[in-house]
PDB file of N, CA and C in Angstrom:
ATOM      1  N   MET A   1      67.580 103.243-131.906  1.00  0.00           N
ATOM      2  CA  MET A   1      67.296 102.919-130.602  1.00  0.00           C
ATOM      3  C   MET A   1      66.275 101.546-130.773  1.00  0.00           C
ATOM      4  N   THR A   2      66.860 100.495-129.939  1.00  0.00           N
ATOM      5  CA  THR A   2      66.104  99.325-129.740  1.00  0.00           C
ATOM      6  C   THR A   2      64.885 100.007-128.745  1.00  0.00           C
ATOM      7  N   ASP A   3      64.129  98.725-128.944  1.00  0.00           N
ATOM      8  CA  ASP A   3      63.107  98.755-128.470  1.00  0.00           C
ATOM      9  C   ASP A   3      63.127  98.337-127.002  1.00  0.00           C
ATOM     10  N   PRO A   4      63.224  98.581-125.766  1.00  0.00           N
ATOM     11  CA  PRO A   4      63.454  97.982-124.758  1.00  0.00           C
ATOM     12  C   PRO A   4      62.830  96.633-124.083  1.00  0.00           C
ATOM     13  N   TYR A   5      61.362  96.703-124.729  1.00  0.00           N
ATOM     14  CA  TYR A   5      60.607  95.036-124.381  1.00  0.00           C
ATOM     15  C   TYR A   5      60.945  94.307-124.898  1.00  0.00           C
ATOM     16  N   SER A   6      61.396  94.577-126.639  1.00  0.00           N
ATOM     17  CA  SER A   6      61.898  93.577-127.240  1.00  0.00           C
ATOM     18  C   SER A   6      62.993  92.635-126.920  1.00  0.00           C
ATOM     19  N   GLN A   7      62.933  92.710-125.444  1.00  0.00           N
ATOM     20  CA  GLN A   7      64.600  92.275-124.817  1.00  0.00           C
ATOM     21  C   GLN A   7      63.669  91.448-123.540  1.00  0.00           C
ATOM     22  N   ILE A   8      62.944  91.621-123.130  1.00  0.00           N
ATOM     23  CA  ILE A   8      62.002  90.520-122.535  1.00  0.00           C
ATOM     24  C   ILE A   8      61.748  89.111-123.100  1.00  0.00           C
ATOM     25  N   PRO A   9      62.395  88.249-122.099  1.00  0.00           N
ATOM     26  CA  PRO A   9      62.187  87.061-122.615  1.00  0.00           C
ATOM     27  C   PRO A   9      60.558  86.763-122.626  1.00  0.00           C
ATOM     28  N   GLN A  10      60.200  85.928-123.820  1.00  0.00           N
ATOM     29  CA  GLN A  10      58.910  85.689-123.779  1.00  0.00           C
ATOM     30  C   GLN A  10      58.659  83.924-122.823  1.00  0.00           C
ATOM     31  N   ARG A  11      57.749  83.719-122.578  1.00  0.00           N
ATOM     32  CA  ARG A  11      57.444  82.291-121.817  1.00  0.00           C
ATOM     33  C   ARG A  11      57.122  81.723-123.149  1.00  0.00           C
ATOM     34  N   PRO A  12      57.810  80.654-123.151  1.00  0.00           N
ATOM     35  CA  PRO A  12      57.413  79.348-124.238  1.00  0.00           C
ATOM     36  C   PRO A  12      55.923  78.849-124.168  1.00  0.00           C
ATOM     37  N   GLU A  13      55.467  78.566-124.876  1.00  0.00           N
ATOM     38  CA  GLU A  13      53.815  78.221-125.066  1.00  0.00           C
ATOM     39  C   GLU A  13      53.898  77.107-124.234  1.00  0.00           C
ATOM     40  N   GLN A  14      52.893  76.925-123.888  1.00  0.00           N
ATOM     41  CA  GLN A  14      52.949  75.256-122.576  1.00  0.00           C
ATOM     42  C   GLN A  14      52.032  73.938-123.736  1.00  0.00           C
ATOM     43  N   SER A  15      52.787  73.072-123.576  1.00  0.00           N
ATOM     44  CA  SER A  15      51.830  72.178-124.035  1.00  0.00           C
ATOM     45  C   SER A  15      51.169  71.457-123.561  1.00  0.00           C
ATOM     46  N   TRP A  16      50.556  70.783-123.958  1.00  0.00           N
ATOM     47  CA  TRP A  16      49.496  69.762-123.064  1.00  0.00           C
ATOM     48  C   TRP A  16      50.013  68.785-122.342  1.00  0.00           C
ATOM     49  N   LEU A  17      50.668  68.289-122.578  1.00  0.00           N
ATOM     50  CA  LEU A  17      51.507  66.749-121.515  1.00  0.00           C
ATOM     51  C   LEU A  17      52.472  67.345-120.571  1.00  0.00           C
ATOM     52  N   GLU A  18      52.759  69.027-120.816  1.00  0.00           N
ATOM     53  CA  GLU A  18      53.604  69.145-119.530  1.00  0.00           C
ATOM     54  C   GLU A  18      52.618  69.276-118.716  1.00  0.00           C
ATOM     55  N   PRO A  19      53.517  69.515-117.688  1.00  0.00           N
ATOM     56  CA  PRO A  19      52.709  69.654-115.942  1.00  0.00           C
ATOM     57  C   PRO A  19      52.320  71.274-116.204  1.00  0.00           C
ATOM     58  N   GLY A  20      51.525  71.484-115.860  1.00  0.00           N
ATOM     59  CA  GLY A  20      50.762  72.645-115.617  1.00  0.00           C
ATOM     60  C   GLY A  20      49.436  73.186-116.095  1.00  0.00           C
ATOM     61  N   LYS A  21      48.780  74.454-116.246  1.00  0.00           N
ATOM     62  CA  LYS A  21      47.467  74.807-116.090  1.00  0.00           C
ATOM     63  C   LYS A  21      46.737  73.850-117.365  1.00  0.00           C
ATOM     64  N   LEU A  22      47.313  74.071-118.826  1.00  0.00           N
ATOM     65  CA  LEU A  22      46.546  72.817-119.647  1.00  0.00           C
ATOM     66  C   LEU A  22      46.640  71.513-119.271  1.00  0.00           C
ATOM     67  N   ASN A  23      47.603  70.985-119.038  1.00  0.00           N
ATOM     68  CA  ASN A  23      47.236  69.220-118.509  1.00  0.00           C
ATOM     69  C   ASN A  23      46.528  69.413-117.271  1.00  0.00           C
ATOM     70  N   VAL A  24      46.118  69.829-116.551  1.00  0.00           N
ATOM     71  CA  VAL A  24      45.364  69.998-115.608  1.00  0.00           C
ATOM     72  C   VAL A  24      44.038  69.810-116.327  1.00  0.00           C
ATOM     73  N   GLN A  25      43.731  71.168-117.352  1.00  0.00           N
ATOM     74  CA  GLN A  25      42.455  70.891-117.888  1.00  0.00           C
ATOM     75  C   GLN A  25      41.894  69.621-118.865  1.00  0.00           C
ATOM     76  N   LEU A  26      43.298  68.963-119.380  1.00  0.00           N
ATOM     77  CA  LEU A  26      43.068  68.223-120.063  1.00  0.00           C
ATOM     78  C   LEU A  26      42.674  66.811-119.422  1.00  0.00           C
ATOM     79  N   VAL A  27      43.456  66.570-117.938  1.00  0.00           N
ATOM     80  CA  VAL A  27      42.604  65.610-117.310  1.00  0.00           C
ATOM     81  C   VAL A  27      41.536  65.692-117.190  1.00  0.00           C
ATOM     82  N   TYR A  28      40.681  67.220-116.363  1.00  0.00           N
ATOM     83  CA  TYR A  28      39.627  67.139-116.425  1.00  0.00           C
ATOM     84  C   TYR A  28      38.782  67.097-117.694  1.00  0.00           C
ATOM     85  N   GLY A  29      39.200  67.378-118.457  1.00  0.00           N
ATOM     86  CA  GLY A  29      38.199  67.236-120.038  1.00  0.00           C
ATOM     87  C   GLY A  29      38.297  65.533-120.328  1.00  0.00           C
ATOM     88  N   LEU A  30      39.433  65.203-119.887  1.00  0.00           N
ATOM     89  CA  LEU A  30      39.310  63.361-120.512  1.00  0.00           C
ATOM     90  C   LEU A  30      38.098  62.813-119.116  1.00  0.00           C
ATOM     91  N   TYR A  31      38.493  63.500-117.978  1.00  0.00           N
ATOM     92  CA  TYR A  31      37.216  63.119-117.206  1.00  0.00           C
ATOM     93  C   TYR A  31      35.845  63.171-117.795  1.00  0.00           C
ATOM     94  N   ILE A  32      35.337  64.451-118.393  1.00  0.00           N
ATOM     95  CA  ILE A  32      34.679  64.763-118.404  1.00  0.00           C
ATOM     96  C   ILE A  32      34.060  63.989-120.233  1.00  0.00           C
ATOM     97  N   ALA A  33      34.410  63.623-120.556  1.00  0.00           N
ATOM     98  CA  ALA A  33      34.222  62.879-122.033  1.00  0.00           C
ATOM     99  C   ALA A  33      34.480  61.096-121.536  1.00  0.00           C
ATOM    100  N   SER A  34      34.740  61.024-120.096  1.00  0.00           N
ATOM    101  CA  SER A  34      34.393  59.456-119.703  1.00  0.00           C
ATOM    102  C   SER A  34      32.958  59.010-120.093  1.00  0.00           C
ATOM    103  N   LEU A  35      32.530  60.216-119.369  1.00  0.00           N
ATOM    104  CA  LEU A  35      30.590  60.206-119.413  1.00  0.00           C
ATOM    105  C   LEU A  35      30.195  59.689-119.929  1.00  0.00           C
ATOM    106  N   VAL A  36      30.772  59.768-121.795  1.00  0.00           N
ATOM    107  CA  VAL A  36      30.330  58.901-123.155  1.00  0.00           C
ATOM    108  C   VAL A  36      31.538  58.104-122.995  1.00  0.00           C
ATOM    109  N   LEU A  37      32.569  58.428-123.727  1.00  0.00           N
ATOM    110  CA  LEU A  37      33.464  57.129-124.059  1.00  0.00           C
ATOM    111  C   LEU A  37      34.098  55.901-122.671  1.00  0.00           C
ATOM    112  N   GLY A  38      33.930  56.340-121.507  1.00  0.00           N
ATOM    113  CA  GLY A  38      34.037  55.258-120.178  1.00  0.00           C
ATOM    114  C   GLY A  38      35.370  55.474-120.127  1.00  0.00           C
ATOM    115  N   VAL A  39      36.169  54.933-120.740  1.00  0.00           N
ATOM    116  CA  VAL A  39      38.077  54.649-120.799  1.00  0.00           C
ATOM    117  C   VAL A  39      38.731  55.732-120.477  1.00  0.00           C
ATOM    118  N   SER A  40      38.197  56.896-120.794  1.00  0.00           N
ATOM    119  CA  SER A  40      39.153  58.476-121.154  1.00  0.00           C
ATOM    120  C   SER A  40      39.029  58.720-119.873  1.00  0.00           C
ATOM    121  N   SER A  41      38.955  58.157-118.468  1.00  0.00           N
ATOM    122  CA  SER A  41      39.244  58.790-117.210  1.00  0.00           C
ATOM    123  C   SER A  41      40.570  58.157-117.024  1.00  0.00           C
ATOM    124  N   ILE A  42      40.708  56.841-117.312  1.00  0.00           N
ATOM    125  CA  ILE A  42      41.897  56.209-117.391  1.00  0.00           C
ATOM    126  C   ILE A  42      43.059  56.576-117.662  1.00  0.00           C
ATOM    127  N   VAL A  43      43.079  57.185-119.136  1.00  0.00           N
ATOM    128  CA  VAL A  43      44.102  57.973-119.395  1.00  0.00           C
ATOM    129  C   VAL A  43      44.200  59.593-118.819  1.00  0.00           C
ATOM    130  N   GLY A  44      43.269  59.613-118.147  1.00  0.00           N
ATOM    131  CA  GLY A  44      43.418  61.042-117.320  1.00  0.00           C
ATOM    132  C   GLY A  44      43.924  61.209-115.971  1.00  0.00           C
ATOM    133  N   VAL A  45      43.748  59.855-115.787  1.00  0.00           N
ATOM    134  CA  VAL A  45      44.639  59.701-114.276  1.00  0.00           C
ATOM    135  C   VAL A  45      45.717  59.223-114.191  1.00  0.00           C
ATOM    136  N   VAL A  46      46.020  58.492-115.650  1.00  0.00           N
ATOM    137  CA  VAL A  46      47.462  58.102-116.031  1.00  0.00           C
ATOM    138  C   VAL A  46      48.648  59.708-116.046  1.00  0.00           C
ATOM    139  N   ILE A  47      47.396  60.387-116.428  1.00  0.00           N
ATOM    140  CA  ILE A  47      48.405  61.513-117.290  1.00  0.00           C
ATOM    141  C   ILE A  47      48.517  62.077-115.636  1.00  0.00           C
ATOM    142  N   ALA A  48      47.847  62.118-115.018  1.00  0.00           N
ATOM    143  CA  ALA A  48      47.570  62.968-113.665  1.00  0.00           C
ATOM    144  C   ALA A  48      48.562  62.399-113.016  1.00  0.00           C
ATOM    145  N   TYR A  49      49.257  61.045-112.604  1.00  0.00           N
ATOM    146  CA  TYR A  49      50.179  60.599-112.131  1.00  0.00           C
ATOM    147  C   TYR A  49      51.423  60.683-112.960  1.00  0.00           C
ATOM    148  N   ILE A  50      51.528  60.457-113.712  1.00  0.00           N
ATOM    149  CA  ILE A  50      52.775  61.176-114.218  1.00  0.00           C
ATOM    150  C   ILE A  50      53.457  62.213-114.268  1.00  0.00           C
ATOM    151  N   ASN A  51      52.312  63.225-114.163  1.00  0.00           N
ATOM    152  CA  ASN A  51      52.646  65.020-113.816  1.00  0.00           C
ATOM    153  C   ASN A  51      52.685  65.144-112.546  1.00  0.00           C
ATOM    154  N   ARG A  52      52.419  64.311-111.884  1.00  0.00           N
ATOM    155  CA  ARG A  52      52.229  64.712-109.965  1.00  0.00           C
ATOM    156  C   ARG A  52      53.342  64.671-109.453  1.00  0.00           C
ATOM    157  N   GLY A  53      53.523  66.073-108.905  1.00  0.00           N
ATOM    158  CA  GLY A  53      55.145  66.118-108.354  1.00  0.00           C
ATOM    159  C   GLY A  53      56.141  66.628-109.014  1.00  0.00           C
ATOM    160  N   LYS A  54      56.086  67.290-110.690  1.00  0.00           N
ATOM    161  CA  LYS A  54      56.888  67.881-111.536  1.00  0.00           C
ATOM    162  C   LYS A  54      57.274  69.612-111.470  1.00  0.00           C
ATOM    163  N   LEU A  55      55.783  69.911-110.496  1.00  0.00           N
ATOM    164  CA  LEU A  55      55.537  71.582-110.505  1.00  0.00           C
ATOM    165  C   LEU A  55      55.123  71.997-109.375  1.00  0.00           C
ATOM    166  N   GLY A  56      54.941  71.521-108.784  1.00  0.00           N
ATOM    167  CA  GLY A  56      54.270  71.963-107.190  1.00  0.00           C
ATOM    168  C   GLY A  56      53.228  73.140-107.304  1.00  0.00           C
ATOM    169  N   GLY A  57      53.358  73.778-105.982  1.00  0.00           N
ATOM    170  CA  GLY A  57      52.090  74.733-106.733  1.00  0.00           C
ATOM    171  C   GLY A  57      50.902  74.870-106.673  1.00  0.00           C
ATOM    172  N   TRP A  58      49.641  75.510-106.881  1.00  0.00           N
ATOM    173  CA  TRP A  58      48.113  75.008-106.963  1.00  0.00           C
ATOM    174  C   TRP A  58      48.436  74.058-108.127  1.00  0.00           C
ATOM    175  N   VAL A  59      49.720  73.762-109.244  1.00  0.00           N
ATOM    176  CA  VAL A  59      49.176  72.619-109.600  1.00  0.00           C
ATOM    177  C   VAL A  59      49.051  71.289-109.113  1.00  0.00           C
ATOM    178  N   GLU A  60      49.690  70.982-108.536  1.00  0.00           N
ATOM    179  CA  GLU A  60      50.144  69.764-107.192  1.00  0.00           C
ATOM    180  C   GLU A  60      48.663  69.461-106.888  1.00  0.00           C
ATOM    181  N   THR A  61      48.066  70.567-106.377  1.00  0.00           N
ATOM    182  CA  THR A  61      46.523  70.388-105.793  1.00  0.00           C
ATOM    183  C   THR A  61      45.430  69.942-106.746  1.00  0.00           C
ATOM    184  N   HIS A  62      45.511  70.217-107.721  1.00  0.00           N
ATOM    185  CA  HIS A  62      44.890  69.738-109.060  1.00  0.00           C
ATOM    186  C   HIS A  62      45.173  67.937-109.562  1.00  0.00           C
ATOM    187  N   TYR A  63      46.285  68.127-109.313  1.00  0.00           N
ATOM    188  CA  TYR A  63      46.553  66.732-109.682  1.00  0.00           C
ATOM    189  C   TYR A  63      46.789  65.326-108.457  1.00  0.00           C
ATOM    190  N   THR A  64      46.566  65.983-107.121  1.00  0.00           N
ATOM    191  CA  THR A  64      46.018  65.198-106.323  1.00  0.00           C
ATOM    192  C   THR A  64      44.344  64.741-106.368  1.00  0.00           C
ATOM    193  N   TRP A  65      44.340  66.027-106.395  1.00  0.00           N
ATOM    194  CA  TRP A  65      42.633  66.209-106.523  1.00  0.00           C
ATOM    195  C   TRP A  65      41.580  65.400-107.799  1.00  0.00           C
ATOM    196  N   ALA A  66      42.622  65.118-108.379  1.00  0.00           N
ATOM    197  CA  ALA A  66      41.786  64.623-109.961  1.00  0.00           C
ATOM    198  C   ALA A  66      42.124  62.555-109.776  1.00  0.00           C
ATOM    199  N   ILE A  67      43.605  62.729-109.095  1.00  0.00           N
ATOM    200  CA  ILE A  67      43.466  61.322-109.126  1.00  0.00           C
ATOM    201  C   ILE A  67      42.421  60.767-107.943  1.00  0.00           C
ATOM    202  N   ARG A  68      42.400  61.292-106.820  1.00  0.00           N
ATOM    203  CA  ARG A  68      41.600  60.808-105.715  1.00  0.00           C
ATOM    204  C   ARG A  68      40.046  61.072-106.694  1.00  0.00           C
ATOM    205  N   THR A  69      39.483  61.600-107.316  1.00  0.00           N
ATOM    206  CA  THR A  69      38.490  61.750-107.242  1.00  0.00           C
ATOM    207  C   THR A  69      38.070  60.486-108.431  1.00  0.00           C
ATOM    208  N   PHE A  70      39.211  60.176-109.271  1.00  0.00           N
ATOM    209  CA  PHE A  70      39.215  58.582-109.814  1.00  0.00           C
ATOM    210  C   PHE A  70      38.918  57.584-109.065  1.00  0.00           C
ATOM    211  N   TRP A  71      39.698  57.519-108.158  1.00  0.00           N
ATOM    212  CA  TRP A  71      39.414  56.371-107.252  1.00  0.00           C
ATOM    213  C   TRP A  71      38.359  56.247-106.186  1.00  0.00           C
ATOM    214  N   ILE A  72      38.039  57.346-105.734  1.00  0.00           N
ATOM    215  CA  ILE A  72      36.760  57.482-105.273  1.00  0.00           C
ATOM    216  C   ILE A  72      35.779  56.925-105.798  1.00  0.00           C
ATOM    217  N   GLY A  73      35.519  57.765-107.265  1.00  0.00           N
ATOM    218  CA  GLY A  73      34.820  57.647-107.759  1.00  0.00           C
ATOM    219  C   GLY A  73      34.727  55.927-108.344  1.00  0.00           C
ATOM    220  N   LEU A  74      35.578  55.447-108.109  1.00  0.00           N
ATOM    221  CA  LEU A  74      35.411  54.181-108.992  1.00  0.00           C
ATOM    222  C   LEU A  74      35.119  53.176-107.752  1.00  0.00           C
ATOM    223  N   LEU A  75      35.689  53.580-106.264  1.00  0.00           N
ATOM    224  CA  LEU A  75      34.878  52.895-105.136  1.00  0.00           C
ATOM    225  C   LEU A  75      33.626  53.317-104.962  1.00  0.00           C
ATOM    226  N   TYR A  76      32.874  54.221-104.761  1.00  0.00           N
ATOM    227  CA  TYR A  76      31.892  54.487-104.671  1.00  0.00           C
ATOM    228  C   TYR A  76      30.634  53.947-106.184  1.00  0.00           C
ATOM    229  N   SER A  77      31.818  53.836-106.993  1.00  0.00           N
ATOM    230  CA  SER A  77      30.285  52.806-108.195  1.00  0.00           C
ATOM    231  C   SER A  77      30.800  51.324-108.020  1.00  0.00           C
ATOM    232  N   LEU A  78      31.738  50.582-107.105  1.00  0.00           N
ATOM    233  CA  LEU A  78      31.283  49.382-107.239  1.00  0.00           C
ATOM    234  C   LEU A  78      30.375  49.346-106.232  1.00  0.00           C
ATOM    235  N   ILE A  79      30.572  50.447-104.704  1.00  0.00           N
ATOM    236  CA  ILE A  79      29.760  49.990-103.753  1.00  0.00           C
ATOM    237  C   ILE A  79      28.214  49.947-104.182  1.00  0.00           C
ATOM    238  N   SER A  80      27.760  51.046-105.642  1.00  0.00           N
ATOM    239  CA  SER A  80      26.423  51.276-105.680  1.00  0.00           C
ATOM    240  C   SER A  80      26.338  50.117-106.467  1.00  0.00           C
ATOM    241  N   LEU A  81      27.407  49.154-107.134  1.00  0.00           N
ATOM    242  CA  LEU A  81      27.168  48.276-107.919  1.00  0.00           C
ATOM    243  C   LEU A  81      26.419  46.767-107.236  1.00  0.00           C
ATOM    244  N   VAL A  82      27.035  46.774-106.055  1.00  0.00           N
ATOM    245  CA  VAL A  82      26.936  45.745-105.099  1.00  0.00           C
ATOM    246  C   VAL A  82      25.503  45.973-105.168  1.00  0.00           C
ATOM    247  N   LEU A  83      25.199  47.236-104.066  1.00  0.00           N
ATOM    248  CA  LEU A  83      23.552  48.050-103.491  1.00  0.00           C
ATOM    249  C   LEU A  83      22.934  47.977-104.783  1.00  0.00           C
ATOM    250  N   SER A  84      23.349  47.541-106.065  1.00  0.00           N
ATOM    251  CA  SER A  84      22.219  47.359-106.767  1.00  0.00           C
ATOM    252  C   SER A  84      20.853  46.320-107.018  1.00  0.00           C
ATOM    253  N   PHE A  85      21.784  45.345-106.500  1.00  0.00           N
ATOM    254  CA  PHE A  85      20.863  43.951-106.224  1.00  0.00           C
ATOM    255  C   PHE A  85      19.915  44.359-105.380  1.00  0.00           C
ATOM    256  N   ILE A  86      19.745  45.457-104.785  1.00  0.00           N
ATOM    257  CA  ILE A  86      18.770  45.945-103.760  1.00  0.00           C
ATOM    258  C   ILE A  86      18.360  46.882-104.055  1.00  0.00           C
ATOM    259  N   VAL A  87      18.396  47.387-105.148  1.00  0.00           N
ATOM    260  CA  VAL A  87      17.813  48.636-105.706  1.00  0.00           C
ATOM    261  C   VAL A  87      18.201  49.741-105.237  1.00  0.00           C
ATOM    262  N   ILE A  88      18.736  50.010-104.505  1.00  0.00           N
ATOM    263  CA  ILE A  88      19.341  51.284-103.972  1.00  0.00           C
ATOM    264  C   ILE A  88      20.717  51.649-104.064  1.00  0.00           C
ATOM    265  N   GLY A  89      20.850  50.749-104.879  1.00  0.00           N
ATOM    266  CA  GLY A  89      22.119  50.995-105.768  1.00  0.00           C
ATOM    267  C   GLY A  89      22.216  52.079-106.852  1.00  0.00           C
ATOM    268  N   VAL A  90      21.456  51.839-107.260  1.00  0.00           N
ATOM    269  CA  VAL A  90      20.889  52.920-108.333  1.00  0.00           C
ATOM    270  C   VAL A  90      20.867  54.418-108.049  1.00  0.00           C
ATOM    271  N   LEU A  91      20.274  54.601-107.278  1.00  0.00           N
ATOM    272  CA  LEU A  91      20.428  56.284-106.362  1.00  0.00           C
ATOM    273  C   LEU A  91      21.998  55.940-106.107  1.00  0.00           C
ATOM    274  N   GLY A  92      22.522  55.421-105.213  1.00  0.00           N
ATOM    275  CA  GLY A  92      24.036  55.716-105.528  1.00  0.00           C
ATOM    276  C   GLY A  92      24.926  55.793-106.821  1.00  0.00           C
ATOM    277  N   PHE A  93      24.396  55.329-107.594  1.00  0.00           N
ATOM    278  CA  PHE A  93      25.181  55.334-109.111  1.00  0.00           C
ATOM    279  C   PHE A  93      24.753  56.528-109.312  1.00  0.00           C
ATOM    280  N   ILE A  94      23.237  57.592-109.651  1.00  0.00           N
ATOM    281  CA  ILE A  94      23.308  58.198-109.558  1.00  0.00           C
ATOM    282  C   ILE A  94      23.729  59.597-108.459  1.00  0.00           C
ATOM    283  N   ALA A  95      24.044  59.222-107.641  1.00  0.00           N
ATOM    284  CA  ALA A  95      24.602  60.659-106.505  1.00  0.00           C
ATOM    285  C   ALA A  95      26.165  60.190-106.922  1.00  0.00           C
ATOM    286  N   THR A  96      26.980  59.541-107.115  1.00  0.00           N
ATOM    287  CA  THR A  96      28.407  59.190-107.368  1.00  0.00           C
ATOM    288  C   THR A  96      28.549  59.995-108.736  1.00  0.00           C
ATOM    289  N   LEU A  97      27.181  60.152-110.089  1.00  0.00           N
ATOM    290  CA  LEU A  97      27.586  60.823-111.228  1.00  0.00           C
ATOM    291  C   LEU A  97      27.865  61.845-110.610  1.00  0.00           C
ATOM    292  N   VAL A  98      26.687  62.786-110.167  1.00  0.00           N
ATOM    293  CA  VAL A  98      26.585  63.786-109.600  1.00  0.00           C
ATOM    294  C   VAL A  98      28.073  64.522-108.796  1.00  0.00           C
ATOM    295  N   TRP A  99      28.630  63.739-107.664  1.00  0.00           N
ATOM    296  CA  TRP A  99      29.674  63.927-107.295  1.00  0.00           C
ATOM    297  C   TRP A  99      30.845  63.849-108.004  1.00  0.00           C
ATOM    298  N   PHE A 100      31.006  62.991-108.953  1.00  0.00           N
ATOM    299  CA  PHE A 100      31.867  62.928-109.721  1.00  0.00           C
ATOM    300  C   PHE A 100      31.871  64.472-110.952  1.00  0.00           C
ATOM    301  N   ILE A 101      30.503  65.123-111.445  1.00  0.00           N
ATOM    302  CA  ILE A 101      31.162  66.125-111.929  1.00  0.00           C
ATOM    303  C   ILE A 101      31.003  67.419-111.601  1.00  0.00           C
ATOM    304  N   VAL A 102      30.286  67.519-110.162  1.00  0.00           N
ATOM    305  CA  VAL A 102      30.722  68.600-109.579  1.00  0.00           C
ATOM    306  C   VAL A 102      32.188  68.562-109.064  1.00  0.00           C
ATOM    307  N   ARG A 103      33.040  67.501-108.685  1.00  0.00           N
ATOM    308  CA  ARG A 103      34.262  67.844-108.274  1.00  0.00           C
ATOM    309  C   ARG A 103      34.958  68.082-109.953  1.00  0.00           C
ATOM    310  N   VAL A 104      34.753  67.785-110.794  1.00  0.00           N
ATOM    311  CA  VAL A 104      35.446  67.928-112.129  1.00  0.00           C
ATOM    312  C   VAL A 104      35.344  69.744-112.431  1.00  0.00           C
ATOM    313  N   VAL A 105      33.725  70.019-112.311  1.00  0.00           N
ATOM    314  CA  VAL A 105      33.342  71.156-112.886  1.00  0.00           C
ATOM    315  C   VAL A 105      34.443  72.247-111.460  1.00  0.00           C
ATOM    316  N   ILE A 106      34.065  72.027-110.278  1.00  0.00           N
ATOM    317  CA  ILE A 106      35.474  72.646-109.381  1.00  0.00           C
ATOM    318  C   ILE A 106      36.838  72.802-109.881  1.00  0.00           C
ATOM    319  N   GLY A 107      37.355  71.663-109.918  1.00  0.00           N
ATOM    320  CA  GLY A 107      38.665  71.700-110.704  1.00  0.00           C
ATOM    321  C   GLY A 107      39.024  72.378-112.043  1.00  0.00           C
ATOM    322  N   LEU A 108      37.968  72.461-112.864  1.00  0.00           N
ATOM    323  CA  LEU A 108      38.247  73.468-114.213  1.00  0.00           C
ATOM    324  C   LEU A 108      38.156  74.591-113.629  1.00  0.00           C
ATOM    325  N   GLN A 109      36.762  75.275-112.851  1.00  0.00           N
ATOM    326  CA  GLN A 109      37.528  76.475-112.714  1.00  0.00           C
ATOM    327  C   GLN A 109      37.763  77.249-111.715  1.00  0.00           C
ATOM    328  N   LYS A 110      38.649  76.173-110.788  1.00  0.00           N
ATOM    329  CA  LYS A 110      39.786  76.762-110.167  1.00  0.00           C
ATOM    330  C   LYS A 110      41.336  76.538-111.098  1.00  0.00           C
ATOM    331  N   ALA A 111      41.199  75.429-111.782  1.00  0.00           N
ATOM    332  CA  ALA A 111      42.526  75.619-113.000  1.00  0.00           C
ATOM    333  C   ALA A 111      42.203  76.664-113.687  1.00  0.00           C
ATOM    334  N   GLY A 112      41.004  77.120-114.027  1.00  0.00           N
ATOM    335  CA  GLY A 112      41.016  78.192-115.128  1.00  0.00           C
ATOM    336  C   GLY A 112      41.161  79.585-114.306  1.00  0.00           C
ATOM    337  N   ARG A 113      40.753  79.895-113.517  1.00  0.00           N
ATOM    338  CA  ARG A 113      41.716  80.866-112.207  1.00  0.00           C
ATOM    339  C   ARG A 113      43.170  81.004-111.998  1.00  0.00           C
ATOM    340  N   GLU A 114      43.943  79.290-112.417  1.00  0.00           N
ATOM    341  CA  GLU A 114      45.315  79.183-111.525  1.00  0.00           C
ATOM    342  C   GLU A 114      44.775  79.237-109.962  1.00  0.00           C
ATOM    343  N   GLU A 115      43.871  78.785-109.578  1.00  0.00           N
ATOM    344  CA  GLU A 115      43.795  78.566-107.788  1.00  0.00           C
ATOM    345  C   GLU A 115      44.085  77.454-107.527  1.00  0.00           C
ATOM    346  N   PRO A 116      44.246  77.269-106.161  1.00  0.00           N
ATOM    347  CA  PRO A 116      44.466  75.435-105.649  1.00  0.00           C
ATOM    348  C   PRO A 116      43.062  75.008-105.176  1.00  0.00           C
ATOM    349  N   ILE A 117      43.417  74.043-105.229  1.00  0.00           N
ATOM    350  CA  ILE A 117      41.881  73.329-104.589  1.00  0.00           C
ATOM    351  C   ILE A 117      41.964  73.272-103.121  1.00  0.00           C
ATOM    352  N   SER A 118      41.432  73.800-102.516  1.00  0.00           N
ATOM    353  CA  SER A 118      40.953  74.049-101.156  1.00  0.00           C
ATOM    354  C   SER A 118      41.949  72.565-100.113  1.00  0.00           C
ATOM    355  N   ASN A 119      40.701  71.193-100.202  1.00  0.00           N
ATOM    356  CA  ASN A 119      41.538  70.422 -99.548  1.00  0.00           C
ATOM    357  C   ASN A 119      41.292  69.156-100.652  1.00  0.00           C
ATOM    358  N   PRO A 120      42.628  68.955-101.633  1.00  0.00           N
ATOM    359  CA  PRO A 120      42.384  68.267-102.434  1.00  0.00           C
ATOM    360  C   PRO A 120      42.586  66.450-102.109  1.00  0.00           C
ATOM    361  N   GLU A 121      42.485  66.605-100.014  1.00  0.00           N
ATOM    362  CA  GLU A 121      42.137  64.670 -99.938  1.00  0.00           C
ATOM    363  C   GLU A 121      41.007  64.572 -99.563  1.00  0.00           C
ATOM    364  N   GLY A 122      39.966  65.744 -99.964  1.00  0.00           N
ATOM    365  CA  GLY A 122      39.259  65.421 -99.445  1.00  0.00           C
ATOM    366  C   GLY A 122      37.831  64.192 -99.860  1.00  0.00           C
ATOM    367  N   TRP A 123      37.114  63.677 -98.962  1.00  0.00           N
ATOM    368  CA  TRP A 123      36.409  62.829 -99.921  1.00  0.00           C
ATOM    369  C   TRP A 123      35.034  63.509-100.516  1.00  0.00           C
ATOM    370  N   ILE A 124      34.428  64.560-100.005  1.00  0.00           N
ATOM    371  CA  ILE A 124      33.261  65.085-100.599  1.00  0.00           C
ATOM    372  C   ILE A 124      33.833  66.275-101.858  1.00  0.00           C
ATOM    373  N   VAL A 125      32.927  67.114-101.419  1.00  0.00           N
ATOM    374  CA  VAL A 125      33.296  68.300-102.531  1.00  0.00           C
ATOM    375  C   VAL A 125      33.700  69.118-101.699  1.00  0.00           C
TER     376      VAL A 125
END
């Protein structure tokens, strides 16, 4: 007699480069690494752009969130750079850093639970 559970197809293991949970976590990991390495966030945003629109569902909200985190963070950093000539930009850099880390941590937590981002196009947290 055969085991009835042996006939249930197994879900193939997901790759880090295929759209899905692991890929979203890779993007967020590259963003965190950019705090030390600098340029890894560029790789992360490229991966997010490549995989956006391929899977749908909750994953799609994370790709939008990650892409917007990159571009809005870059905008805030440039504004802080300009304002650093009058000292207030230093506070802007600190605020941008905190904002960036909070958005990445929220994304990682929700991706781990496979939950969508509630407002992926928002500017704040």
